[in-house]
C-alpha atoms as a PDB file:
ATOM      1  CA  MET A   1     -63.210 179.080  38.608  1.00  0.00           C
ATOM      2  CA  LYS A   2     -62.840 183.183  38.818  1.00  0.00           C
ATOM      3  CA  LYS A   3     -61.697 184.482  42.379  1.00  0.00           C
ATOM      4  CA  ILE A   4     -64.660 186.563  41.856  1.00  0.00           C
ATOM      5  CA  GLU A   5     -67.143 183.106  41.340  1.00  0.00           C
ATOM      6  CA  TRP A   6     -65.180 182.276  45.028  1.00  0.00           C
ATOM      7  CA  LEU A   7     -65.900 185.179  46.560  1.00  0.00           C
ATOM      8  CA  ILE A   8     -69.885 185.364  45.320  1.00  0.00           C
ATOM      9  CA  VAL A   9     -69.817 181.101  45.778  1.00  0.00           C
ATOM     10  CA  ILE A  10     -67.925 182.778  49.654  1.00  0.00           C
ATOM     11  CA  LEU A  11     -70.889 185.383  49.902  1.00  0.00           C
ATOM     12  CA  LEU A  12     -74.189 183.155  49.205  1.00  0.00           C
ATOM     13  CA  ILE A  13     -72.715 180.904  51.903  1.00  0.00           C
ATOM     14  CA  THR A  14     -71.610 183.538  54.855  1.00  0.00           C
ATOM     15  CA  MET A  15     -75.409 185.090  54.525  1.00  0.00           C
ATOM     16  CA  GLY A  16     -77.335 181.450  54.358  1.00  0.00           C
ATOM     17  CA  LEU A  17     -75.160 180.338  58.374  1.00  0.00           C
ATOM     18  CA  GLY A  18     -76.240 184.156  59.084  1.00  0.00           C
ATOM     19  CA  CYS A  19     -79.328 184.053  58.426  1.00  0.00           C
ATOM     20  CA  LEU A  20     -79.867 180.559  60.543  1.00  0.00           C
ATOM     21  CA  THR A  21     -78.309 181.709  63.168  1.00  0.00           C
ATOM     22  CA  VAL A  22     -80.640 184.442  63.329  1.00  0.00           C
ATOM     23  CA  SER A  23     -83.807 181.666  62.955  1.00  0.00           C
ATOM     24  CA  ALA A  24     -82.927 179.369  65.845  1.00  0.00           C
ATOM     25  CA  THR A  25     -81.616 182.376  68.003  1.00  0.00           C
ATOM     26  CA  THR A  26     -84.964 184.250  67.977  1.00  0.00           C
ATOM     27  CA  MET A  27     -86.791 180.709  68.275  1.00  0.00           C
ATOM     28  CA  TRP A  28     -85.132 180.431  71.388  1.00  0.00           C
ATOM     29  CA  GLY A  29     -85.705 183.716  72.639  1.00  0.00           C
ATOM     30  CA  THR A  30     -82.683 184.185  73.420  1.00  0.00           C
ATOM     31  CA  GLU A  31     -81.340 187.479  71.470  1.00  0.00           C
ATOM     32  CA  SER A  32     -77.724 188.001  73.151  1.00  0.00           C
ATOM     33  CA  PHE A  33     -74.852 188.335  70.406  1.00  0.00           C
ATOM     34  CA  GLU A  34     -73.727 185.799  73.022  1.00  0.00           C
ATOM     35  CA  THR A  35     -75.755 183.036  72.061  1.00  0.00           C
ATOM     36  CA  TYR A  36     -75.814 183.956  67.962  1.00  0.00           C
ATOM     37  CA  LEU A  37     -71.834 183.651  68.465  1.00  0.00           C
ATOM     38  CA  THR A  38     -72.374 180.508  70.194  1.00  0.00           C
ATOM     39  CA  THR A  39     -74.789 179.511  68.103  1.00  0.00           C
ATOM     40  CA  PHE A  40     -72.774 180.185  64.769  1.00  0.00           C
ATOM     41  CA  LEU A  41     -70.250 177.915  65.771  1.00  0.00           C
ATOM     42  CA  GLN A  42     -71.692 174.823  66.502  1.00  0.00           C
ATOM     43  CA  LEU A  43     -73.412 174.993  63.302  1.00  0.00           C
ATOM     44  CA  CYS A  44     -69.914 176.055  61.441  1.00  0.00           C
ATOM     45  CA  LEU A  45     -69.105 173.036  64.074  1.00  0.00           C
ATOM     46  CA  TRP A  46     -71.564 170.526  62.731  1.00  0.00           C
ATOM     47  CA  MET A  47     -70.944 171.627  58.725  1.00  0.00           C
ATOM     48  CA  GLY A  48     -67.960 171.574  58.954  1.00  0.00           C
ATOM     49  CA  LEU A  49     -66.229 167.779  60.461  1.00  0.00           C
ATOM     50  CA  PRO A  50     -68.769 166.141  58.196  1.00  0.00           C
ATOM     51  CA  ILE A  51     -67.210 168.060  55.364  1.00  0.00           C
ATOM     52  CA  LEU A  52     -63.568 167.284  56.654  1.00  0.00           C
ATOM     53  CA  ILE A  53     -63.882 163.906  57.913  1.00  0.00           C
ATOM     54  CA  LEU A  54     -64.407 163.649  53.733  1.00  0.00           C
ATOM     55  CA  GLY A  55     -62.075 165.569  52.470  1.00  0.00           C
ATOM     56  CA  ILE A  56     -59.710 163.625  54.496  1.00  0.00           C
ATOM     57  CA  VAL A  57     -61.457 160.322  53.284  1.00  0.00           C
ATOM     58  CA  TYR A  58     -61.799 161.762  49.649  1.00  0.00           C
ATOM     59  CA  LEU A  59     -57.699 162.837  49.778  1.00  0.00           C
ATOM     60  CA  LEU A  60     -57.070 158.969  50.937  1.00  0.00           C
ATOM     61  CA  PHE A  61     -58.212 157.279  47.999  1.00  0.00           C
ATOM     62  CA  LEU A  62     -56.791 160.154  45.710  1.00  0.00           C
ATOM     63  CA  LYS A  63     -53.642 158.524  46.485  1.00  0.00           C
ATOM     64  CA  LYS A  64     -54.593 154.985  47.342  1.00  0.00           C
ATOM     65  CA  ARG A  65     -55.541 154.976  42.791  1.00  0.00           C
ATOM     66  CA  LYS A  66     -52.421 156.817  43.061  1.00  0.00           C
ATOM     67  CA  ASN A  67     -50.026 154.389  44.108  1.00  0.00           C
ATOM     68  CA  ASN A  68     -51.879 152.094  41.612  1.00  0.00           C
ATOM     69  CA  LYS A  69     -51.158 153.383  38.372  1.00  0.00           C
ATOM     70  CA  LYS A  70     -47.424 153.193  40.064  1.00  0.00           C
END
């Protein structure tokens, strides 16, 4: 992918997380910046942790597969 395509993907993901955070913050009724930031960090953690775990498993799978070929 080209750099501009990566930029568009990152922008869309960030906008989606922002919209999700705003809707979650207003749903709970407390519309402060601290609540927004806390909700945003929790969303990033819950989305990033499975991606990190799957990435590590994938890299271990590739390493094992590479060692079996030799």
